[in-house]
PDB file of N, CA and C in Angstrom:
ATOM      1  N   MET A   1      -0.827 -31.138 -17.151  1.00  0.00           N
ATOM      2  CA  MET A   1      -0.797 -29.954 -16.308  1.00  0.00           C
ATOM      3  C   MET A   1      -0.004 -30.224 -15.037  1.00  0.00           C
ATOM      4  N   ASP A   2       1.218 -30.616 -15.191  1.00  0.00           N
ATOM      5  CA  ASP A   2       2.034 -30.897 -14.022  1.00  0.00           C
ATOM      6  C   ASP A   2       2.486 -29.631 -13.323  1.00  0.00           C
ATOM      7  N   GLY A   3       2.428 -28.482 -13.978  1.00  0.00           N
ATOM      8  CA  GLY A   3       2.836 -27.228 -13.357  1.00  0.00           C
ATOM      9  C   GLY A   3       1.694 -26.481 -12.705  1.00  0.00           C
ATOM     10  N   GLY A   4       0.490 -27.042 -12.792  1.00  0.00           N
ATOM     11  CA  GLY A   4      -0.680 -26.352 -12.254  1.00  0.00           C
ATOM     12  C   GLY A   4      -0.629 -26.152 -10.756  1.00  0.00           C
ATOM     13  N   LEU A   5      -0.204 -27.174 -10.019  1.00  0.00           N
ATOM     14  CA  LEU A   5      -0.134 -27.062  -8.563  1.00  0.00           C
ATOM     15  C   LEU A   5       0.917 -26.024  -8.161  1.00  0.00           C
ATOM     16  N   GLN A   6       2.060 -26.068  -8.829  1.00  0.00           N
ATOM     17  CA  GLN A   6       3.104 -25.084  -8.539  1.00  0.00           C
ATOM     18  C   GLN A   6       2.615 -23.667  -8.863  1.00  0.00           C
ATOM     19  N   LEU A   7       1.861 -23.532  -9.944  1.00  0.00           N
ATOM     20  CA  LEU A   7       1.311 -22.234 -10.327  1.00  0.00           C
ATOM     21  C   LEU A   7       0.364 -21.703  -9.257  1.00  0.00           C
ATOM     22  N   ILE A   8      -0.482 -22.565  -8.732  1.00  0.00           N
ATOM     23  CA  ILE A   8      -1.413 -22.154  -7.677  1.00  0.00           C
ATOM     24  C   ILE A   8      -0.636 -21.714  -6.439  1.00  0.00           C
ATOM     25  N   GLN A   9       0.412 -22.451  -6.085  1.00  0.00           N
ATOM     26  CA  GLN A   9       1.224 -22.078  -4.927  1.00  0.00           C
ATOM     27  C   GLN A   9       1.940 -20.741  -5.163  1.00  0.00           C
ATOM     28  N   ASP A  10       2.432 -20.535  -6.382  1.00  0.00           N
ATOM     29  CA  ASP A  10       3.083 -19.263  -6.713  1.00  0.00           C
ATOM     30  C   ASP A  10       2.103 -18.095  -6.636  1.00  0.00           C
ATOM     31  N   LEU A  11       0.896 -18.297  -7.150  1.00  0.00           N
ATOM     32  CA  LEU A  11      -0.127 -17.249  -7.086  1.00  0.00           C
ATOM     33  C   LEU A  11      -0.499 -16.924  -5.646  1.00  0.00           C
ATOM     34  N   ARG A  12      -0.607 -17.954  -4.820  1.00  0.00           N
ATOM     35  CA  ARG A  12      -0.932 -17.726  -3.409  1.00  0.00           C
ATOM     36  C   ARG A  12       0.183 -16.939  -2.720  1.00  0.00           C
ATOM     37  N   ALA A  13       1.440 -17.330  -2.984  1.00  0.00           N
ATOM     38  CA  ALA A  13       2.570 -16.613  -2.386  1.00  0.00           C
ATOM     39  C   ALA A  13       2.602 -15.157  -2.848  1.00  0.00           C
ATOM     40  N   ALA A  14       2.302 -14.921  -4.129  1.00  0.00           N
ATOM     41  CA  ALA A  14       2.286 -13.554  -4.652  1.00  0.00           C
ATOM     42  C   ALA A  14       1.163 -12.740  -4.015  1.00  0.00           C
ATOM     43  N   ALA A  15       0.000 -13.374  -3.823  1.00  0.00           N
ATOM     44  CA  ALA A  15      -1.118 -12.670  -3.188  1.00  0.00           C
ATOM     45  C   ALA A  15      -0.797 -12.323  -1.741  1.00  0.00           C
ATOM     46  N   GLU A  16      -0.182 -13.247  -1.022  1.00  0.00           N
ATOM     47  CA  GLU A  16       0.206 -12.972   0.365  1.00  0.00           C
ATOM     48  C   GLU A  16       1.255 -11.871   0.436  1.00  0.00           C
ATOM     49  N   CYS A  17       2.199 -11.899  -0.500  1.00  0.00           N
ATOM     50  CA  CYS A  17       3.227 -10.857  -0.563  1.00  0.00           C
ATOM     51  C   CYS A  17       2.588  -9.490  -0.796  1.00  0.00           C
ATOM     52  N   SER A  18       1.638  -9.423  -1.725  1.00  0.00           N
ATOM     53  CA  SER A  18       0.999  -8.141  -2.015  1.00  0.00           C
ATOM     54  C   SER A  18       0.146  -7.671  -0.839  1.00  0.00           C
ATOM     55  N   GLN A  19      -0.458  -8.596  -0.099  1.00  0.00           N
ATOM     56  CA  GLN A  19      -1.201  -8.207   1.101  1.00  0.00           C
ATOM     57  C   GLN A  19      -0.263  -7.617   2.149  1.00  0.00           C
ATOM     58  N   ASN A  20       0.913  -8.212   2.292  1.00  0.00           N
ATOM     59  CA  ASN A  20       1.892  -7.698   3.256  1.00  0.00           C
ATOM     60  C   ASN A  20       2.389  -6.311   2.848  1.00  0.00           C
ATOM     61  N   VAL A  21       2.622  -6.112   1.557  1.00  0.00           N
ATOM     62  CA  VAL A  21       3.060  -4.799   1.076  1.00  0.00           C
ATOM     63  C   VAL A  21       1.980  -3.761   1.368  1.00  0.00           C
ATOM     64  N   TYR A  22       0.715  -4.116   1.113  1.00  0.00           N
ATOM     65  CA  TYR A  22      -0.381  -3.184   1.384  1.00  0.00           C
ATOM     66  C   TYR A  22      -0.470  -2.867   2.877  1.00  0.00           C
ATOM     67  N   ALA A  23      -0.320  -3.882   3.714  1.00  0.00           N
ATOM     68  CA  ALA A  23      -0.390  -3.657   5.162  1.00  0.00           C
ATOM     69  C   ALA A  23       0.732  -2.727   5.621  1.00  0.00           C
ATOM     70  N   GLU A  24       1.942  -2.925   5.076  1.00  0.00           N
ATOM     71  CA  GLU A  24       3.063  -2.038   5.423  1.00  0.00           C
ATOM     72  C   GLU A  24       2.781  -0.611   4.982  1.00  0.00           C
ATOM     73  N   TYR A  25       2.272  -0.451   3.763  1.00  0.00           N
ATOM     74  CA  TYR A  25       1.967   0.882   3.256  1.00  0.00           C
ATOM     75  C   TYR A  25       0.899   1.551   4.116  1.00  0.00           C
ATOM     76  N   GLU A  26      -0.132   0.793   4.472  1.00  0.00           N
ATOM     77  CA  GLU A  26      -1.221   1.359   5.281  1.00  0.00           C
ATOM     78  C   GLU A  26      -0.706   1.788   6.645  1.00  0.00           C
ATOM     79  N   GLU A  27       0.186   1.002   7.256  1.00  0.00           N
ATOM     80  CA  GLU A  27       0.774   1.386   8.543  1.00  0.00           C
ATOM     81  C   GLU A  27       1.564   2.685   8.409  1.00  0.00           C
ATOM     82  N   GLU A  28       2.378   2.779   7.348  1.00  0.00           N
ATOM     83  CA  GLU A  28       3.156   4.000   7.130  1.00  0.00           C
ATOM     84  C   GLU A  28       2.246   5.197   6.889  1.00  0.00           C
ATOM     85  N   ARG A  29       1.194   4.990   6.114  1.00  0.00           N
ATOM     86  CA  ARG A  29       0.274   6.083   5.803  1.00  0.00           C
ATOM     87  C   ARG A  29      -0.437   6.572   7.057  1.00  0.00           C
ATOM     88  N   LEU A  30      -0.905   5.649   7.874  1.00  0.00           N
ATOM     89  CA  LEU A  30      -1.593   6.043   9.104  1.00  0.00           C
ATOM     90  C   LEU A  30      -0.638   6.735  10.070  1.00  0.00           C
ATOM     91  N   ALA A  31       0.602   6.237  10.160  1.00  0.00           N
ATOM     92  CA  ALA A  31       1.594   6.892  11.018  1.00  0.00           C
ATOM     93  C   ALA A  31       1.882   8.299  10.516  1.00  0.00           C
ATOM     94  N   ASP A  32       1.958   8.470   9.198  1.00  0.00           N
ATOM     95  CA  ASP A  32       2.174   9.793   8.617  1.00  0.00           C
ATOM     96  C   ASP A  32       1.022  10.736   8.940  1.00  0.00           C
ATOM     97  N   GLU A  33      -0.190  10.232   8.810  1.00  0.00           N
ATOM     98  CA  GLU A  33      -1.358  11.069   9.092  1.00  0.00           C
ATOM     99  C   GLU A  33      -1.396  11.470  10.562  1.00  0.00           C
ATOM    100  N   GLU A  34      -1.068  10.528  11.450  1.00  0.00           N
ATOM    101  CA  GLU A  34      -1.047  10.858  12.876  1.00  0.00           C
ATOM    102  C   GLU A  34       0.033  11.882  13.190  1.00  0.00           C
ATOM    103  N   ALA A  35       1.206  11.713  12.588  1.00  0.00           N
ATOM    104  CA  ALA A  35       2.295  12.674  12.814  1.00  0.00           C
ATOM    105  C   ALA A  35       1.916  14.052  12.276  1.00  0.00           C
ATOM    106  N   GLU A  36       1.281  14.075  11.117  1.00  0.00           N
ATOM    107  CA  GLU A  36       0.858  15.353  10.531  1.00  0.00           C
ATOM    108  C   GLU A  36      -0.211  16.017  11.403  1.00  0.00           C
ATOM    109  N   GLN A  37      -1.120  15.219  11.933  1.00  0.00           N
ATOM    110  CA  GLN A  37      -2.163  15.778  12.807  1.00  0.00           C
ATOM    111  C   GLN A  37      -1.548  16.328  14.090  1.00  0.00           C
ATOM    112  N   ARG A  38      -0.573  15.602  14.664  1.00  0.00           N
ATOM    113  CA  ARG A  38       0.108  16.111  15.866  1.00  0.00           C
ATOM    114  C   ARG A  38       0.821  17.428  15.553  1.00  0.00           C
ATOM    115  N   LYS A  39       1.469  17.478  14.380  1.00  0.00           N
ATOM    116  CA  LYS A  39       2.176  18.694  13.983  1.00  0.00           C
ATOM    117  C   LYS A  39       1.208  19.859  13.848  1.00  0.00           C
ATOM    118  N   ARG A  40       0.054  19.608  13.218  1.00  0.00           N
ATOM    119  CA  ARG A  40      -0.944  20.671  13.059  1.00  0.00           C
ATOM    120  C   ARG A  40      -1.499  21.107  14.405  1.00  0.00           C
ATOM    121  N   ASP A  41      -1.710  20.147  15.300  1.00  0.00           N
ATOM    122  CA  ASP A  41      -2.224  20.487  16.627  1.00  0.00           C
ATOM    123  C   ASP A  41      -1.221  21.334  17.408  1.00  0.00           C
ATOM    124  N   GLU A  42       0.069  20.983  17.290  1.00  0.00           N
ATOM    125  CA  GLU A  42       1.107  21.745  17.989  1.00  0.00           C
ATOM    126  C   GLU A  42       1.229  23.158  17.435  1.00  0.00           C
ATOM    127  N   GLU A  43       1.074  23.307  16.125  1.00  0.00           N
ATOM    128  CA  GLU A  43       1.201  24.616  15.502  1.00  0.00           C
ATOM    129  C   GLU A  43      -0.107  25.398  15.520  1.00  0.00           C
ATOM    130  N   GLY A  44      -1.166  24.758  15.938  1.00  0.00           N
ATOM    131  CA  GLY A  44      -2.459  25.432  15.981  1.00  0.00           C
ATOM    132  C   GLY A  44      -3.139  25.507  14.631  1.00  0.00           C
ATOM    133  N   LEU A  45      -2.736  24.684  13.697  1.00  0.00           N
ATOM    134  CA  LEU A  45      -3.363  24.643  12.378  1.00  0.00           C
ATOM    135  C   LEU A  45      -4.298  23.444  12.333  1.00  0.00           C
ATOM    136  N   ASN A  46      -5.578  23.703  12.492  1.00  0.00           N
ATOM    137  CA  ASN A  46      -6.507  22.580  12.470  1.00  0.00           C
ATOM    138  C   ASN A  46      -7.337  22.550  11.197  1.00  0.00           C
ATOM    139  N   PHE A  47      -7.217  23.548  10.361  1.00  0.00           N
ATOM    140  CA  PHE A  47      -7.918  23.640   9.085  1.00  0.00           C
ATOM    141  C   PHE A  47      -9.435  23.529   9.232  1.00  0.00           C
ATOM    142  N   GLU A  48      -9.940  23.918  10.401  1.00  0.00           N
ATOM    143  CA  GLU A  48     -11.397  23.890  10.568  1.00  0.00           C
ATOM    144  C   GLU A  48     -12.028  25.151   9.988  1.00  0.00           C
ATOM    145  N   ASN A  49     -11.272  26.228   9.938  1.00  0.00           N
ATOM    146  CA  ASN A  49     -11.795  27.445   9.340  1.00  0.00           C
ATOM    147  C   ASN A  49     -11.781  27.323   7.829  1.00  0.00           C
ATOM    148  N   GLU A  50     -12.699  27.995   7.181  1.00  0.00           N
ATOM    149  CA  GLU A  50     -12.723  27.944   5.723  1.00  0.00           C
ATOM    150  C   GLU A  50     -11.564  28.734   5.124  1.00  0.00           C
ATOM    151  N   GLU A  51     -11.034  29.702   5.883  1.00  0.00           N
ATOM    152  CA  GLU A  51      -9.936  30.495   5.367  1.00  0.00           C
ATOM    153  C   GLU A  51      -8.636  29.708   5.330  1.00  0.00           C
ATOM    154  N   GLU A  52      -8.484  28.744   6.241  1.00  0.00           N
ATOM    155  CA  GLU A  52      -7.295  27.904   6.256  1.00  0.00           C
ATOM    156  C   GLU A  52      -7.614  26.608   5.531  1.00  0.00           C
ATOM    157  N   SER A  53      -6.682  26.140   4.755  1.00  0.00           N
ATOM    158  CA  SER A  53      -6.884  24.857   4.091  1.00  0.00           C
ATOM    159  C   SER A  53      -5.538  24.168   3.922  1.00  0.00           C
ATOM    160  N   PRO A  54      -5.548  22.868   3.731  1.00  0.00           N
ATOM    161  CA  PRO A  54      -4.278  22.168   3.521  1.00  0.00           C
ATOM    162  C   PRO A  54      -3.536  22.670   2.288  1.00  0.00           C
ATOM    163  N   ALA A  55      -4.255  23.229   1.326  1.00  0.00           N
ATOM    164  CA  ALA A  55      -3.600  23.736   0.123  1.00  0.00           C
ATOM    165  C   ALA A  55      -2.712  24.938   0.440  1.00  0.00           C
ATOM    166  N   ASP A  56      -3.023  25.657   1.534  1.00  0.00           N
ATOM    167  CA  ASP A  56      -2.222  26.810   1.925  1.00  0.00           C
ATOM    168  C   ASP A  56      -0.872  26.389   2.492  1.00  0.00           C
ATOM    169  N   ASP A  57      -0.789  25.185   3.043  1.00  0.00           N
ATOM    170  CA  ASP A  57       0.441  24.690   3.639  1.00  0.00           C
ATOM    171  C   ASP A  57       1.120  23.749   2.644  1.00  0.00           C
ATOM    172  N   PRO A  58       2.275  24.124   2.084  1.00  0.00           N
ATOM    173  CA  PRO A  58       2.898  23.277   1.057  1.00  0.00           C
ATOM    174  C   PRO A  58       3.353  21.919   1.578  1.00  0.00           C
ATOM    175  N   ASN A  59       3.563  21.779   2.886  1.00  0.00           N
ATOM    176  CA  ASN A  59       4.029  20.510   3.444  1.00  0.00           C
ATOM    177  C   ASN A  59       2.906  19.675   4.056  1.00  0.00           C
ATOM    178  N   ALA A  60       1.666  20.104   3.866  1.00  0.00           N
ATOM    179  CA  ALA A  60       0.557  19.423   4.534  1.00  0.00           C
ATOM    180  C   ALA A  60       0.344  18.004   4.038  1.00  0.00           C
ATOM    181  N   TRP A  61       0.604  17.757   2.774  1.00  0.00           N
ATOM    182  CA  TRP A  61       0.310  16.423   2.219  1.00  0.00           C
ATOM    183  C   TRP A  61       1.570  15.673   1.804  1.00  0.00           C
ATOM    184  N   ASN A  62       2.711  16.012   2.352  1.00  0.00           N
ATOM    185  CA  ASN A  62       3.948  15.290   2.069  1.00  0.00           C
ATOM    186  C   ASN A  62       4.089  14.150   3.058  1.00  0.00           C
ATOM    187  N   PHE A  63       3.811  12.944   2.585  1.00  0.00           N
ATOM    188  CA  PHE A  63       3.867  11.777   3.451  1.00  0.00           C
ATOM    189  C   PHE A  63       5.117  10.966   3.144  1.00  0.00           C
ATOM    190  N   ALA A  64       5.605  10.256   4.138  1.00  0.00           N
ATOM    191  CA  ALA A  64       6.751   9.380   3.933  1.00  0.00           C
ATOM    192  C   ALA A  64       6.332   8.118   3.196  1.00  0.00           C
ATOM    193  N   ALA A  65       5.085   7.702   3.354  1.00  0.00           N
ATOM    194  CA  ALA A  65       4.581   6.522   2.656  1.00  0.00           C
ATOM    195  C   ALA A  65       4.490   6.839   1.165  1.00  0.00           C
ATOM    196  N   ASP A  66       5.200   6.086   0.367  1.00  0.00           N
ATOM    197  CA  ASP A  66       5.282   6.350  -1.065  1.00  0.00           C
ATOM    198  C   ASP A  66       4.424   5.346  -1.829  1.00  0.00           C
ATOM    199  N   PRO A  67       3.300   5.793  -2.401  1.00  0.00           N
ATOM    200  CA  PRO A  67       2.433   4.845  -3.108  1.00  0.00           C
ATOM    201  C   PRO A  67       3.083   4.258  -4.352  1.00  0.00           C
ATOM    202  N   GLU A  68       3.930   5.027  -5.026  1.00  0.00           N
ATOM    203  CA  GLU A  68       4.580   4.512  -6.228  1.00  0.00           C
ATOM    204  C   GLU A  68       5.566   3.392  -5.891  1.00  0.00           C
ATOM    205  N   ALA A  69       6.343   3.577  -4.840  1.00  0.00           N
ATOM    206  CA  ALA A  69       7.280   2.530  -4.417  1.00  0.00           C
ATOM    207  C   ALA A  69       6.529   1.294  -3.952  1.00  0.00           C
ATOM    208  N   SER A  70       5.407   1.517  -3.287  1.00  0.00           N
ATOM    209  CA  SER A  70       4.586   0.395  -2.841  1.00  0.00           C
ATOM    210  C   SER A  70       4.018  -0.376  -4.025  1.00  0.00           C
ATOM    211  N   ALA A  71       3.611   0.331  -5.066  1.00  0.00           N
ATOM    212  CA  ALA A  71       3.082  -0.330  -6.263  1.00  0.00           C
ATOM    213  C   ALA A  71       4.169  -1.133  -6.964  1.00  0.00           C
ATOM    214  N   ARG A  72       5.384  -0.582  -7.030  1.00  0.00           N
ATOM    215  CA  ARG A  72       6.487  -1.327  -7.641  1.00  0.00           C
ATOM    216  C   ARG A  72       6.801  -2.590  -6.848  1.00  0.00           C
ATOM    217  N   LYS A  73       6.770  -2.463  -5.529  1.00  0.00           N
ATOM    218  CA  LYS A  73       7.055  -3.614  -4.667  1.00  0.00           C
ATOM    219  C   LYS A  73       5.968  -4.682  -4.819  1.00  0.00           C
ATOM    220  N   THR A  74       4.724  -4.255  -4.951  1.00  0.00           N
ATOM    221  CA  THR A  74       3.627  -5.197  -5.158  1.00  0.00           C
ATOM    222  C   THR A  74       3.769  -5.903  -6.491  1.00  0.00           C
ATOM    223  N   ALA A  75       4.128  -5.172  -7.533  1.00  0.00           N
ATOM    224  CA  ALA A  75       4.319  -5.786  -8.851  1.00  0.00           C
ATOM    225  C   ALA A  75       5.461  -6.792  -8.825  1.00  0.00           C
ATOM    226  N   SER A  76       6.493  -6.522  -8.037  1.00  0.00           N
ATOM    227  CA  SER A  76       7.612  -7.458  -7.962  1.00  0.00           C
ATOM    228  C   SER A  76       7.230  -8.749  -7.252  1.00  0.00           C
ATOM    229  N   CYS A  77       6.150  -8.731  -6.476  1.00  0.00           N
ATOM    230  CA  CYS A  77       5.676  -9.955  -5.831  1.00  0.00           C
ATOM    231  C   CYS A  77       5.257 -10.996  -6.867  1.00  0.00           C
ATOM    232  N   PHE A  78       4.825 -10.552  -8.036  1.00  0.00           N
ATOM    233  CA  PHE A  78       4.315 -11.451  -9.067  1.00  0.00           C
ATOM    234  C   PHE A  78       5.387 -11.849 -10.082  1.00  0.00           C
ATOM    235  N   ASP A  79       6.650 -11.523  -9.818  1.00  0.00           N
ATOM    236  CA  ASP A  79       7.718 -11.877 -10.744  1.00  0.00           C
ATOM    237  C   ASP A  79       7.916 -13.383 -10.857  1.00  0.00           C
ATOM    238  N   ALA A  80       7.664 -14.121  -9.781  1.00  0.00           N
ATOM    239  CA  ALA A  80       7.895 -15.568  -9.789  1.00  0.00           C
ATOM    240  C   ALA A  80       6.750 -16.348 -10.441  1.00  0.00           C
ATOM    241  N   VAL A  81       5.643 -15.678 -10.754  1.00  0.00           N
ATOM    242  CA  VAL A  81       4.491 -16.357 -11.337  1.00  0.00           C
ATOM    243  C   VAL A  81       4.731 -16.591 -12.826  1.00  0.00           C
ATOM    244  N   ASN A  82       4.472 -17.804 -13.272  1.00  0.00           N
ATOM    245  CA  ASN A  82       4.656 -18.185 -14.672  1.00  0.00           C
ATOM    246  C   ASN A  82       3.439 -17.723 -15.474  1.00  0.00           C
ATOM    247  N   ARG A  83       3.551 -16.565 -16.089  1.00  0.00           N
ATOM    248  CA  ARG A  83       2.425 -16.001 -16.837  1.00  0.00           C
ATOM    249  C   ARG A  83       2.128 -16.793 -18.104  1.00  0.00           C
ATOM    250  N   PHE A  84       3.159 -17.412 -18.676  1.00  0.00           N
ATOM    251  CA  PHE A  84       2.953 -18.230 -19.869  1.00  0.00           C
ATOM    252  C   PHE A  84       2.042 -19.411 -19.550  1.00  0.00           C
ATOM    253  N   LEU A  85       2.276 -20.062 -18.411  1.00  0.00           N
ATOM    254  CA  LEU A  85       1.453 -21.204 -18.020  1.00  0.00           C
ATOM    255  C   LEU A  85       0.020 -20.763 -17.727  1.00  0.00           C
ATOM    256  N   ILE A  86      -0.154 -19.593 -17.134  1.00  0.00           N
ATOM    257  CA  ILE A  86      -1.508 -19.074 -16.899  1.00  0.00           C
ATOM    258  C   ILE A  86      -2.217 -18.889 -18.230  1.00  0.00           C
ATOM    259  N   GLY A  87      -1.532 -18.319 -19.214  1.00  0.00           N
ATOM    260  CA  GLY A  87      -2.128 -18.126 -20.533  1.00  0.00           C
ATOM    261  C   GLY A  87      -2.458 -19.439 -21.206  1.00  0.00           C
ATOM    262  N   GLU A  88      -1.583 -20.415 -21.050  1.00  0.00           N
ATOM    263  CA  GLU A  88      -1.813 -21.722 -21.664  1.00  0.00           C
ATOM    264  C   GLU A  88      -3.044 -22.401 -21.065  1.00  0.00           C
ATOM    265  N   ILE A  89      -3.136 -22.390 -19.752  1.00  0.00           N
ATOM    266  CA  ILE A  89      -4.291 -23.003 -19.076  1.00  0.00           C
ATOM    267  C   ILE A  89      -5.569 -22.242 -19.418  1.00  0.00           C
ATOM    268  N   SER A  90      -5.500 -20.923 -19.397  1.00  0.00           N
ATOM    269  CA  SER A  90      -6.682 -20.114 -19.722  1.00  0.00           C
ATOM    270  C   SER A  90      -7.129 -20.361 -21.154  1.00  0.00           C
ATOM    271  N   GLY A  91      -6.172 -20.486 -22.077  1.00  0.00           N
ATOM    272  CA  GLY A  91      -6.505 -20.757 -23.471  1.00  0.00           C
ATOM    273  C   GLY A  91      -7.195 -22.092 -23.649  1.00  0.00           C
ATOM    274  N   ARG A  92      -6.689 -23.100 -22.945  1.00  0.00           N
ATOM    275  CA  ARG A  92      -7.334 -24.420 -23.015  1.00  0.00           C
ATOM    276  C   ARG A  92      -8.763 -24.370 -22.480  1.00  0.00           C
ATOM    277  N   LEU A  93      -8.936 -23.703 -21.353  1.00  0.00           N
ATOM    278  CA  LEU A  93     -10.280 -23.597 -20.774  1.00  0.00           C
ATOM    279  C   LEU A  93     -11.216 -22.834 -21.702  1.00  0.00           C
ATOM    280  N   PHE A  94     -10.739 -21.744 -22.270  1.00  0.00           N
ATOM    281  CA  PHE A  94     -11.540 -20.937 -23.179  1.00  0.00           C
ATOM    282  C   PHE A  94     -11.929 -21.751 -24.408  1.00  0.00           C
ATOM    283  N   ALA A  95     -10.950 -22.437 -24.990  1.00  0.00           N
ATOM    284  CA  ALA A  95     -11.214 -23.222 -26.197  1.00  0.00           C
ATOM    285  C   ALA A  95     -12.155 -24.383 -25.917  1.00  0.00           C
ATOM    286  N   SER A  96     -11.958 -25.058 -24.805  1.00  0.00           N
ATOM    287  CA  SER A  96     -12.836 -26.198 -24.513  1.00  0.00           C
ATOM    288  C   SER A  96     -14.253 -25.731 -24.211  1.00  0.00           C
ATOM    289  N   PHE A  97     -14.388 -24.591 -23.583  1.00  0.00           N
ATOM    290  CA  PHE A  97     -15.728 -24.095 -23.276  1.00  0.00           C
ATOM    291  C   PHE A  97     -16.478 -23.742 -24.555  1.00  0.00           C
ATOM    292  N   PHE A  98     -15.819 -23.002 -25.450  1.00  0.00           N
ATOM    293  CA  PHE A  98     -16.518 -22.556 -26.647  1.00  0.00           C
ATOM    294  C   PHE A  98     -16.570 -23.618 -27.751  1.00  0.00           C
ATOM    295  N   ASN A  99     -15.710 -24.599 -27.715  1.00  0.00           N
ATOM    296  CA  ASN A  99     -15.742 -25.641 -28.747  1.00  0.00           C
ATOM    297  C   ASN A  99     -16.613 -26.834 -28.353  1.00  0.00           C
ATOM    298  N   ASN A 100     -16.720 -27.107 -27.079  1.00  0.00           N
ATOM    299  CA  ASN A 100     -17.426 -28.323 -26.664  1.00  0.00           C
ATOM    300  C   ASN A 100     -18.721 -28.063 -25.929  1.00  0.00           C
ATOM    301  N   GLU A 101     -18.764 -27.020 -25.155  1.00  0.00           N
ATOM    302  CA  GLU A 101     -19.917 -26.817 -24.298  1.00  0.00           C
ATOM    303  C   GLU A 101     -21.096 -26.179 -25.037  1.00  0.00           C
ATOM    304  N   LEU A 102     -20.813 -25.240 -25.893  1.00  0.00           N
ATOM    305  CA  LEU A 102     -21.896 -24.539 -26.597  1.00  0.00           C
ATOM    306  C   LEU A 102     -22.142 -25.186 -27.941  1.00  0.00           C
ATOM    307  N   LYS A 103     -23.316 -25.745 -28.119  1.00  0.00           N
ATOM    308  CA  LYS A 103     -23.686 -26.375 -29.387  1.00  0.00           C
ATOM    309  C   LYS A 103     -24.527 -25.383 -30.203  1.00  0.00           C
ATOM    310  N   PRO A 104     -24.313 -25.350 -31.490  1.00  0.00           N
ATOM    311  CA  PRO A 104     -25.106 -24.422 -32.318  1.00  0.00           C
ATOM    312  C   PRO A 104     -26.585 -24.816 -32.296  1.00  0.00           C
ATOM    313  N   LEU A 105     -27.423 -23.827 -32.461  1.00  0.00           N
ATOM    314  CA  LEU A 105     -28.873 -24.065 -32.435  1.00  0.00           C
ATOM    315  C   LEU A 105     -29.395 -24.542 -33.775  1.00  0.00           C
ATOM    316  N   ILE A 106     -28.579 -24.553 -34.791  1.00  0.00           N
ATOM    317  CA  ILE A 106     -29.031 -24.938 -36.130  1.00  0.00           C
ATOM    318  C   ILE A 106     -29.082 -26.439 -36.279  1.00  0.00           C
TER     319      ILE A 106
END
């Protein structure tokens, strides 16, 4: 298992990358919500009345933060991870657990 240490480092880097992507998305989303709230306050649309709702305003939920692009960027963080090696290690662990650890009761 000479690639195990490198695999762990790759997984850590991918996890950190995905955390950064999430943090960027969350910042964009919060900025969008604040901008939308300021816009509603300026226009006098607070949606507190039951007659007014965000569904009445076609631009109410159009945010610049794109969840689909963020998901693609997060998935690309894991491109450097060797999935074959993960499967190989997992297979060995699975096989050793069920072949050696569990003894039949008969």
